[in-house]
Amino acid sequence: MRTMARFLLVTLLVLLPLAALAGDAGRGDNGFYIADGDFTLNTEFRVQTVGTWTEDDIDLSGDIWDILGMRETDIDSKTDFSVRRARIGFFGQAFHPWLKYKVTMDFGEGESDLKDAWIRMEFSDGNNWTFGQFKALFDWFELVDSKYQAFTTRPWGTRTWAPARDIGIMYSGHTEGNRVSWGLAIQNGNGANTSGNDNDDFLATLRIAIESEGGFAPRAATRERPDHVAWTFGLSFLDNPVGGLAEDNSGAPCSPGISKRCRYYTDDVKAWEFFGAVRAGRLDLNATWQSWTMEDQAVNSRGNRTDYEFTYWNLDLGVFVAPSWQVVGRYGQWETDRAYDTVTWDGSTMTDEQVTEWRIGINHYFGSDNFKLQLDYGEVEQEKKDSIFGLGRGTWTGTRSGVTLSLYFWI
């Protein structure tokens, strides 16, 4: 709280004198603004308060659990309230019309995190260079801003696997009329708010999209309805070598002052995504399908290292049943391509895993997208089919079900 109070105090001390000196100030489409010649400063504020009720269950089937003496477990339900997002941001241009900037901080859930922090050079219409911290160009639902999500939270698979924000450089652009857009980003690959790269290779993401005339705003749910069928579909690619330092010969962890020579070892994490979205009349449809490969991150039944491979897909559907009321549904699944050993790492504990999420909800908009009430119910079921030490087989199923109520406000 002290960090947030200091930040807000500094913000007010900066904005108040600027407002007095500015040539123009007021309320625009994107919050409040201050403008003076080539300098503009826009503000963004958002708050999302959330109430949740959740219940967890663990079910066991198969002879292996009797042998190991394990049993089914019912876990007491839990109810809580939280401020999931409390965000303040500044964006605009400085010195030249082609030099843009953005900085956002979030104080939700008792934390203070730097979200976006970048400068962008727009040398020509449709050709941009961005430097700083921003979202990697992968996973449609991650790239859609939280204030335009159809549900109170993003899909389970997206929250688990999407790379989200990182530090680096990006080139992006589009054709005239926004019919085709593209982007290429090179980033550290070890997440937001880090001091540097975790190895000697970078996270690379590439995204290409084809869109209807005029482009497609990345929004999974919005009251702004087009006068035509608006759509987009495209392809994304991710490559993130992960690893660290090890002794050159033995492969043991690097010990400065003891090891003679250390080198970076890396295992490639690669993923492909096909995404698409349609906005027409009362309908909103958003989808992603992804294929992931993690080099040498598992062991096969023969005890040899092997790639860990899985697929993930999700579909969100929304229909406006009245001008300010929207009914939404979600179904998604994450599944390993085959059985792996990621427990004992010798091939004796083979697991075939699948996670399924379904959710239904209703959204009410108080006038515009800026203020909405969301209520949804659903469950995430994780199923593991195990073969353990040659003793037998069994299925472990963990289910989390619950209700979430969210009030989202932003200016």
Protein backbone atom coordinates (compact mmCIF):
# COMPACT_ATOMS: atom_id res chain seq x y z
CA MET A 1 0.00 0.00 0.00
CA ARG A 2 2.89 2.40 0.73
CA THR A 3 4.28 1.80 -2.77
CA MET A 4 0.89 2.53 -4.32
CA ALA A 5 0.40 5.67 -2.21
CA ARG A 6 3.81 7.04 -3.20
CA PHE A 7 3.14 6.31 -6.87
CA LEU A 8 -0.25 8.04 -6.82
CA LEU A 9 1.21 11.02 -4.97
CA VAL A 10 3.99 11.45 -7.54
CA THR A 11 1.41 11.07 -10.32
CA LEU A 12 -0.73 13.89 -8.91
CA LEU A 13 2.29 16.14 -8.37
CA VAL A 14 3.28 15.66 -12.01
CA LEU A 15 -0.17 15.93 -13.58
CA LEU A 16 -1.48 18.98 -11.73
CA PRO A 17 1.20 21.43 -12.92
CA LEU A 18 1.17 19.91 -16.40
CA ALA A 19 -2.58 20.43 -16.62
CA ALA A 20 -2.13 24.08 -15.69
CA LEU A 21 0.53 24.59 -18.37
CA ALA A 22 -1.09 22.51 -21.11
CA GLY A 23 -2.59 24.08 -24.18
CA ASP A 24 -5.51 21.64 -24.09
CA ALA A 25 -6.82 19.22 -21.47
CA GLY A 26 -9.99 17.25 -20.98
CA ARG A 27 -11.75 13.89 -21.23
CA GLY A 28 -11.23 11.90 -24.43
CA ASP A 29 -12.11 8.45 -25.76
CA ASN A 30 -9.18 6.94 -23.81
CA GLY A 31 -9.40 8.60 -20.39
CA PHE A 32 -8.13 12.08 -19.60
CA TYR A 33 -5.59 13.86 -21.75
CA ILE A 34 -3.20 16.79 -21.74
CA ALA A 35 -1.88 18.18 -25.04
CA ASP A 36 0.58 20.90 -25.98
CA GLY A 37 2.02 20.92 -29.48
CA ASP A 38 3.89 17.68 -30.18
CA PHE A 39 3.42 16.52 -26.59
CA THR A 40 0.39 14.54 -25.42
CA LEU A 41 -0.24 12.72 -22.18
CA ASN A 42 -3.20 10.37 -21.80
CA THR A 43 -4.20 8.57 -18.62
CA GLU A 44 -5.82 5.20 -18.09
CA PHE A 45 -7.34 3.88 -14.86
CA ARG A 46 -8.98 0.51 -14.32
CA VAL A 47 -10.30 -1.46 -11.36
CA GLN A 48 -11.61 -5.04 -11.34
CA THR A 49 -13.10 -6.32 -8.10
CA VAL A 50 -13.86 -10.04 -7.93
CA GLY A 51 -15.78 -12.37 -5.62
CA THR A 52 -15.29 -16.13 -5.99
CA TRP A 53 -16.68 -19.36 -4.57
CA THR A 54 -14.70 -22.49 -5.41
CA GLU A 55 -14.86 -26.16 -4.49
CA ASP A 56 -12.20 -28.84 -5.15
CA ASP A 57 -12.59 -32.62 -5.42
CA ILE A 58 -10.09 -35.41 -6.07
CA ASP A 59 -11.41 -38.74 -7.41
CA LEU A 60 -9.38 -41.94 -7.80
CA SER A 61 -10.17 -45.05 -9.85
CA GLY A 62 -8.13 -48.16 -10.62
CA ASP A 63 -6.29 -50.80 -8.61
CA ILE A 64 -3.07 -48.83 -8.23
CA TRP A 65 -4.55 -46.48 -5.63
CA ASP A 66 -5.61 -49.39 -3.38
CA ILE A 67 -2.07 -50.76 -3.57
CA LEU A 68 -0.61 -47.39 -2.64
CA GLY A 69 -3.21 -46.80 0.09
CA MET A 70 -4.56 -43.56 -1.40
CA ARG A 71 -8.19 -42.46 -1.32
CA GLU A 72 -10.57 -39.87 -2.71
CA THR A 73 -10.53 -36.41 -1.10
CA ASP A 74 -13.22 -33.76 -0.67
CA ILE A 75 -11.85 -30.28 0.01
CA ASP A 76 -13.91 -27.62 1.76
CA SER A 77 -15.26 -24.85 -0.44
CA LYS A 78 -13.67 -21.42 -0.32
CA THR A 79 -15.12 -17.94 -0.71
CA ASP A 80 -13.11 -14.75 -1.07
CA PHE A 81 -13.00 -11.23 -2.45
CA SER A 82 -10.07 -9.58 -4.18
CA VAL A 83 -9.08 -6.56 -6.21
CA ARG A 84 -7.69 -8.44 -9.19
CA ARG A 85 -6.65 -5.30 -11.05
CA ALA A 86 -5.98 -1.75 -9.88
CA ARG A 87 -4.10 -0.25 -12.78
CA ILE A 88 -2.88 3.20 -13.72
CA GLY A 89 -1.27 4.03 -17.04
CA PHE A 90 0.11 6.87 -19.13
CA PHE A 91 0.55 6.97 -22.87
CA GLY A 92 0.92 9.52 -25.66
CA GLN A 93 3.57 11.11 -27.86
CA ALA A 94 6.63 13.28 -27.24
CA PHE A 95 8.88 15.59 -29.31
CA HIS A 96 7.60 14.20 -32.64
CA PRO A 97 4.26 12.86 -33.89
CA TRP A 98 5.96 9.52 -34.66
CA LEU A 99 7.40 8.96 -31.16
CA LYS A 100 4.92 7.19 -28.85
CA TYR A 101 5.25 5.88 -25.31
CA LYS A 102 3.30 3.89 -22.70
CA VAL A 103 3.82 3.04 -19.02
CA THR A 104 1.34 1.10 -16.86
CA MET A 105 1.51 -0.14 -13.26
CA ASP A 106 -0.82 -2.58 -11.53
CA PHE A 107 -1.47 -2.83 -7.78
CA GLY A 108 -4.00 -5.66 -7.80
CA GLU A 109 -3.97 -8.63 -5.40
CA GLY A 110 -1.58 -6.94 -2.98
CA GLU A 111 1.25 -6.62 -5.50
CA SER A 112 2.85 -3.75 -7.40
CA ASP A 113 3.95 -4.74 -10.90
CA LEU A 114 5.20 -2.88 -13.92
CA LYS A 115 3.07 -4.02 -16.87
CA ASP A 116 3.80 -2.08 -20.07
CA ALA A 117 6.85 0.15 -20.42
CA TRP A 118 7.79 0.94 -24.00
CA ILE A 119 8.60 3.58 -26.59
CA ARG A 120 7.44 3.18 -30.20
CA MET A 121 8.70 4.81 -33.36
CA GLU A 122 6.12 5.00 -36.15
CA PHE A 123 8.32 6.01 -39.07
CA SER A 124 5.53 5.48 -41.60
CA ASP A 125 1.90 4.45 -41.56
CA GLY A 126 1.85 0.74 -40.83
CA ASN A 127 5.52 0.29 -39.88
CA ASN A 128 6.41 0.47 -36.18
CA TRP A 129 9.41 -0.31 -33.98
CA THR A 130 8.74 -0.91 -30.27
CA PHE A 131 11.40 -1.06 -27.52
CA GLY A 132 10.83 -2.03 -23.89
CA GLN A 133 8.41 -4.33 -22.06
CA PHE A 134 5.32 -5.52 -23.93
CA LYS A 135 3.34 -8.67 -24.66
CA ALA A 136 4.86 -11.42 -26.77
CA LEU A 137 3.01 -12.00 -30.06
CA PHE A 138 1.44 -15.33 -29.10
CA ASP A 139 -1.98 -16.57 -27.92
CA TRP A 140 -5.05 -14.67 -29.12
CA PHE A 141 -6.72 -14.62 -25.70
CA GLU A 142 -3.58 -13.22 -24.05
CA LEU A 143 -3.30 -10.45 -26.64
CA VAL A 144 -6.94 -9.44 -26.07
CA ASP A 145 -6.93 -6.89 -23.23
CA SER A 146 -8.56 -8.06 -19.99
CA LYS A 147 -11.19 -5.31 -20.22
CA TYR A 148 -12.49 -6.90 -23.46
CA GLN A 149 -12.61 -10.52 -22.25
CA ALA A 150 -15.90 -12.42 -22.45
CA PHE A 151 -15.34 -13.96 -19.00
CA THR A 152 -14.01 -12.83 -15.64
CA THR A 153 -10.67 -14.46 -16.44
CA ARG A 154 -8.77 -15.79 -19.45
CA PRO A 155 -8.92 -19.49 -20.40
CA TRP A 156 -7.00 -21.95 -18.19
CA GLY A 157 -4.64 -22.98 -20.99
CA THR A 158 -3.79 -19.36 -21.80
CA ARG A 159 -3.09 -18.53 -18.15
CA THR A 160 -0.84 -21.59 -17.93
CA TRP A 161 1.17 -21.44 -21.16
CA ALA A 162 1.02 -17.98 -22.78
CA PRO A 163 4.33 -16.07 -22.47
CA ALA A 164 2.59 -12.74 -21.73
CA ARG A 165 4.90 -9.73 -21.18
CA ASP A 166 8.66 -9.69 -21.69
CA ILE A 167 11.46 -7.24 -22.45
CA GLY A 168 12.83 -6.76 -25.95
CA ILE A 169 12.26 -5.23 -29.39
CA MET A 170 9.38 -5.63 -31.85
CA TYR A 171 8.69 -4.71 -35.46
CA SER A 172 5.01 -4.58 -36.46
CA GLY A 173 3.02 -3.28 -39.39
CA HIS A 174 0.00 -3.58 -41.63
CA THR A 175 -1.10 -2.96 -45.17
CA GLU A 176 -3.28 -0.06 -46.25
CA GLY A 177 -6.80 -0.75 -45.03
CA ASN A 178 -5.45 -3.12 -42.36
CA ARG A 179 -6.30 -6.22 -44.40
CA VAL A 180 -3.00 -7.87 -43.47
CA SER A 181 -1.03 -7.27 -40.26
CA TRP A 182 2.22 -8.74 -39.00
CA GLY A 183 4.70 -8.60 -36.17
CA LEU A 184 8.05 -10.03 -35.10
CA ALA A 185 9.33 -9.73 -31.52
CA ILE A 186 12.68 -10.69 -29.98
CA GLN A 187 12.61 -10.75 -26.17
CA ASN A 188 14.63 -12.09 -23.24
CA GLY A 189 12.31 -15.04 -22.70
CA ASN A 190 12.16 -15.13 -18.90
CA GLY A 191 9.16 -12.93 -18.19
CA ALA A 192 8.32 -9.39 -17.16
CA ASN A 193 10.28 -7.18 -14.75
CA THR A 194 13.51 -9.17 -14.99
CA SER A 195 17.05 -7.81 -15.06
CA GLY A 196 18.14 -9.59 -18.24
CA ASN A 197 18.21 -12.75 -20.30
CA ASP A 198 18.35 -16.14 -18.54
CA ASN A 199 20.62 -17.69 -21.20
CA ASP A 200 22.38 -16.85 -24.46
CA ASP A 201 19.27 -17.17 -26.69
CA PHE A 202 16.09 -15.15 -27.07
CA LEU A 203 12.35 -15.68 -27.14
CA ALA A 204 11.13 -15.09 -30.70
CA THR A 205 7.47 -14.72 -31.65
CA LEU A 206 6.03 -14.16 -35.11
CA ARG A 207 2.41 -13.30 -35.92
CA ILE A 208 0.61 -12.84 -39.24
CA ALA A 209 -3.12 -12.07 -39.53
CA ILE A 210 -5.61 -11.50 -42.33
CA GLU A 211 -8.53 -9.26 -41.43
CA SER A 212 -11.76 -7.89 -42.83
CA GLU A 213 -11.82 -4.44 -44.42
CA GLY A 214 -10.74 -1.78 -41.94
CA GLY A 215 -9.00 -4.24 -39.62
CA PHE A 216 -10.23 -6.16 -36.59
CA ALA A 217 -9.94 -4.72 -33.08
CA PRO A 218 -8.75 -7.51 -30.73
CA ARG A 219 -11.82 -7.72 -28.50
CA ALA A 220 -13.44 -10.97 -27.35
CA ALA A 221 -16.54 -9.13 -26.08
CA THR A 222 -17.67 -5.59 -26.81
CA ARG A 223 -20.85 -3.54 -27.15
CA GLU A 224 -19.42 -1.85 -30.24
CA ARG A 225 -21.11 -3.77 -33.02
CA PRO A 226 -19.89 -3.47 -36.64
CA ASP A 227 -22.23 -2.71 -39.54
CA HIS A 228 -20.73 -5.68 -41.41
CA VAL A 229 -19.23 -9.08 -40.64
CA ALA A 230 -15.83 -8.34 -39.07
CA TRP A 231 -13.33 -11.19 -38.87
CA THR A 232 -9.69 -12.13 -38.50
CA PHE A 233 -7.66 -15.31 -38.68
CA GLY A 234 -3.97 -15.97 -38.64
CA LEU A 235 -0.89 -17.84 -37.55
CA SER A 236 1.58 -17.34 -34.69
CA PHE A 237 4.90 -19.02 -33.94
CA LEU A 238 6.93 -19.13 -30.73
CA ASP A 239 10.50 -20.29 -30.10
CA ASN A 240 12.00 -19.90 -26.62
CA PRO A 241 15.25 -21.73 -25.77
CA VAL A 242 15.31 -22.29 -21.99
CA GLY A 243 18.19 -23.40 -19.81
CA GLY A 244 21.14 -22.20 -17.79
CA LEU A 245 24.86 -22.57 -17.14
CA ALA A 246 26.51 -25.98 -16.75
CA GLU A 247 30.03 -27.37 -16.68
CA ASP A 248 31.30 -27.90 -20.19
CA ASN A 249 32.18 -31.58 -19.78
CA SER A 250 30.19 -33.09 -16.92
CA GLY A 251 26.93 -31.20 -17.37
CA ALA A 252 26.84 -30.45 -13.62
CA PRO A 253 25.69 -27.00 -12.48
CA CYS A 254 28.27 -24.28 -13.01
CA SER A 255 30.29 -23.46 -9.87
CA PRO A 256 32.30 -20.22 -10.29
CA GLY A 257 35.84 -20.67 -8.99
CA ILE A 258 35.56 -24.46 -9.16
CA SER A 259 34.38 -25.27 -12.66
CA LYS A 260 37.06 -24.84 -15.33
CA ARG A 261 34.63 -23.78 -18.07
CA CYS A 262 30.89 -23.19 -18.12
CA ARG A 263 28.53 -23.06 -21.07
CA TYR A 264 24.88 -22.37 -21.62
CA TYR A 265 22.75 -25.41 -22.33
CA THR A 266 19.36 -24.80 -23.92
CA ASP A 267 16.23 -26.82 -24.63
CA ASP A 268 13.93 -25.40 -27.28
CA VAL A 269 10.30 -24.65 -26.50
CA LYS A 270 8.38 -24.28 -29.76
CA ALA A 271 4.70 -23.65 -30.41
CA TRP A 272 2.36 -22.96 -33.33
CA GLU A 273 -0.98 -21.21 -33.04
CA PHE A 274 -3.91 -20.89 -35.42
CA PHE A 275 -6.38 -18.27 -34.23
CA GLY A 276 -9.57 -16.68 -35.47
CA ALA A 277 -12.40 -14.38 -34.42
CA VAL A 278 -15.72 -13.22 -35.86
CA ARG A 279 -17.88 -10.27 -34.78
CA ALA A 280 -21.23 -9.98 -36.54
CA GLY A 281 -24.62 -8.73 -35.42
CA ARG A 282 -25.10 -10.02 -31.87
CA LEU A 283 -22.42 -12.70 -32.15
CA ASP A 284 -18.82 -12.80 -30.86
CA LEU A 285 -16.71 -15.88 -31.63
CA ASN A 286 -13.05 -16.27 -30.60
CA ALA A 287 -10.85 -19.36 -30.93
CA THR A 288 -7.26 -20.60 -30.64
CA TRP A 289 -5.59 -23.94 -31.44
CA GLN A 290 -2.00 -24.49 -30.36
CA SER A 291 0.62 -27.24 -30.69
CA TRP A 292 3.55 -27.18 -28.24
CA THR A 293 6.88 -29.06 -28.17
CA MET A 294 9.29 -28.85 -25.22
CA GLU A 295 12.63 -30.40 -26.03
CA ASP A 296 13.86 -33.15 -23.63
CA GLN A 297 11.34 -32.18 -20.93
CA ALA A 298 10.11 -35.76 -20.28
CA VAL A 299 11.15 -39.43 -20.27
CA ASN A 300 9.57 -42.24 -22.32
CA SER A 301 8.73 -45.78 -21.18
CA ARG A 302 12.29 -46.94 -22.00
CA GLY A 303 13.79 -44.36 -19.65
CA ASN A 304 15.16 -42.13 -22.40
CA ARG A 305 14.76 -38.36 -22.60
CA THR A 306 12.08 -37.27 -25.04
CA ASP A 307 10.22 -34.15 -26.14
CA TYR A 308 7.13 -33.19 -24.15
CA GLU A 309 4.35 -32.49 -26.68
CA PHE A 310 0.77 -31.34 -26.17
CA THR A 311 -2.09 -29.52 -27.87
CA TYR A 312 -4.34 -26.82 -26.47
CA TRP A 313 -7.47 -25.27 -27.91
CA ASN A 314 -10.21 -22.95 -26.64
CA LEU A 315 -13.46 -21.52 -28.00
CA ASP A 316 -15.38 -18.55 -26.52
CA LEU A 317 -18.85 -17.72 -27.82
CA GLY A 318 -20.96 -14.71 -26.89
CA VAL A 319 -24.47 -13.62 -27.94
CA PHE A 320 -26.19 -10.35 -27.06
CA VAL A 321 -29.74 -11.29 -26.03
CA ALA A 322 -30.52 -7.60 -25.36
CA PRO A 323 -28.59 -4.36 -26.07
CA SER A 324 -26.78 -4.47 -22.70
CA TRP A 325 -27.01 -8.21 -21.84
CA GLN A 326 -24.67 -10.85 -23.24
CA VAL A 327 -24.72 -14.62 -22.67
CA VAL A 328 -21.32 -16.33 -23.03
CA GLY A 329 -20.00 -19.88 -23.18
CA ARG A 330 -16.50 -21.42 -23.16
CA TYR A 331 -15.06 -24.84 -23.88
CA GLY A 332 -11.37 -25.68 -24.02
CA GLN A 333 -8.99 -28.60 -23.67
CA TRP A 334 -5.30 -29.26 -23.10
CA GLU A 335 -3.96 -32.77 -23.77
CA THR A 336 -0.57 -34.49 -23.97
CA ASP A 337 0.13 -36.24 -27.26
CA ARG A 338 1.24 -39.44 -25.48
CA ALA A 339 2.13 -40.78 -22.03
CA TYR A 340 5.27 -39.34 -20.38
CA ASP A 341 7.24 -39.73 -17.19
CA THR A 342 7.78 -36.36 -15.52
CA VAL A 343 7.71 -37.72 -11.96
CA THR A 344 10.42 -40.34 -11.42
CA TRP A 345 12.26 -39.56 -14.70
CA ASP A 346 13.16 -43.23 -15.30
CA GLY A 347 10.13 -44.44 -17.27
CA SER A 348 8.48 -46.18 -14.32
CA THR A 349 5.65 -43.66 -13.81
CA MET A 350 3.92 -42.98 -17.11
CA THR A 351 1.16 -40.37 -17.21
CA ASP A 352 -1.28 -39.43 -19.97
CA GLU A 353 -2.79 -36.06 -18.99
CA GLN A 354 -5.79 -34.02 -20.06
CA VAL A 355 -7.34 -30.79 -18.76
CA THR A 356 -10.86 -29.73 -19.78
CA GLU A 357 -12.50 -26.39 -19.00
CA TRP A 358 -16.11 -25.38 -19.55
CA ARG A 359 -17.81 -22.20 -18.42
CA ILE A 360 -21.07 -20.31 -18.90
CA GLY A 361 -21.84 -16.74 -17.92
CA ILE A 362 -23.74 -13.52 -18.38
CA ASN A 363 -22.44 -9.97 -18.80
CA HIS A 364 -24.29 -6.72 -18.19
CA TYR A 365 -22.92 -3.47 -19.63
CA PHE A 366 -23.80 -0.23 -17.84
CA GLY A 367 -23.94 1.89 -20.97
CA SER A 368 -20.60 1.09 -22.66
CA ASP A 369 -17.60 -1.24 -22.43
CA ASN A 370 -16.13 0.92 -19.66
CA PHE A 371 -18.36 -0.45 -16.89
CA LYS A 372 -19.66 -4.01 -16.79
CA LEU A 373 -20.84 -6.70 -14.39
CA GLN A 374 -19.84 -10.32 -15.13
CA LEU A 375 -21.10 -13.53 -13.56
CA ASP A 376 -19.92 -16.99 -14.62
CA TYR A 377 -19.93 -20.59 -13.43
CA GLY A 378 -17.78 -23.47 -14.62
CA GLU A 379 -15.15 -26.06 -13.84
CA VAL A 380 -11.65 -27.14 -14.72
CA GLU A 381 -11.09 -30.91 -14.66
CA GLN A 382 -7.56 -32.35 -14.69
CA GLU A 383 -7.34 -36.07 -15.47
CA LYS A 384 -4.15 -38.14 -15.18
CA LYS A 385 -4.10 -41.75 -16.37
CA ASP A 386 -1.15 -43.36 -14.62
CA SER A 387 0.84 -46.56 -14.88
CA ILE A 388 3.09 -46.76 -11.83
CA PHE A 389 6.14 -49.00 -11.29
CA GLY A 390 4.48 -51.82 -13.22
CA LEU A 391 2.17 -52.41 -10.23
CA GLY A 392 -1.04 -51.38 -11.93
CA ARG A 393 -3.02 -48.57 -13.50
CA GLY A 394 -5.21 -45.82 -12.16
CA THR A 395 -6.86 -42.51 -12.97
CA TRP A 396 -6.45 -39.38 -10.85
CA THR A 397 -9.09 -36.70 -11.46
CA GLY A 398 -8.97 -33.28 -9.84
CA THR A 399 -11.90 -30.91 -10.36
CA ARG A 400 -12.25 -27.26 -9.41
CA SER A 401 -15.70 -25.78 -9.87
CA GLY A 402 -16.93 -22.37 -8.87
CA VAL A 403 -18.79 -19.11 -9.36
CA THR A 404 -17.10 -15.79 -10.08
CA LEU A 405 -18.66 -12.33 -9.88
CA SER A 406 -16.68 -9.42 -11.31
CA LEU A 407 -17.24 -5.67 -11.54
CA TYR A 408 -14.92 -4.08 -14.11
CA PHE A 409 -14.52 -0.30 -14.49
CA TRP A 410 -12.05 1.64 -16.62
CA ILE A 411 -11.56 5.11 -18.08
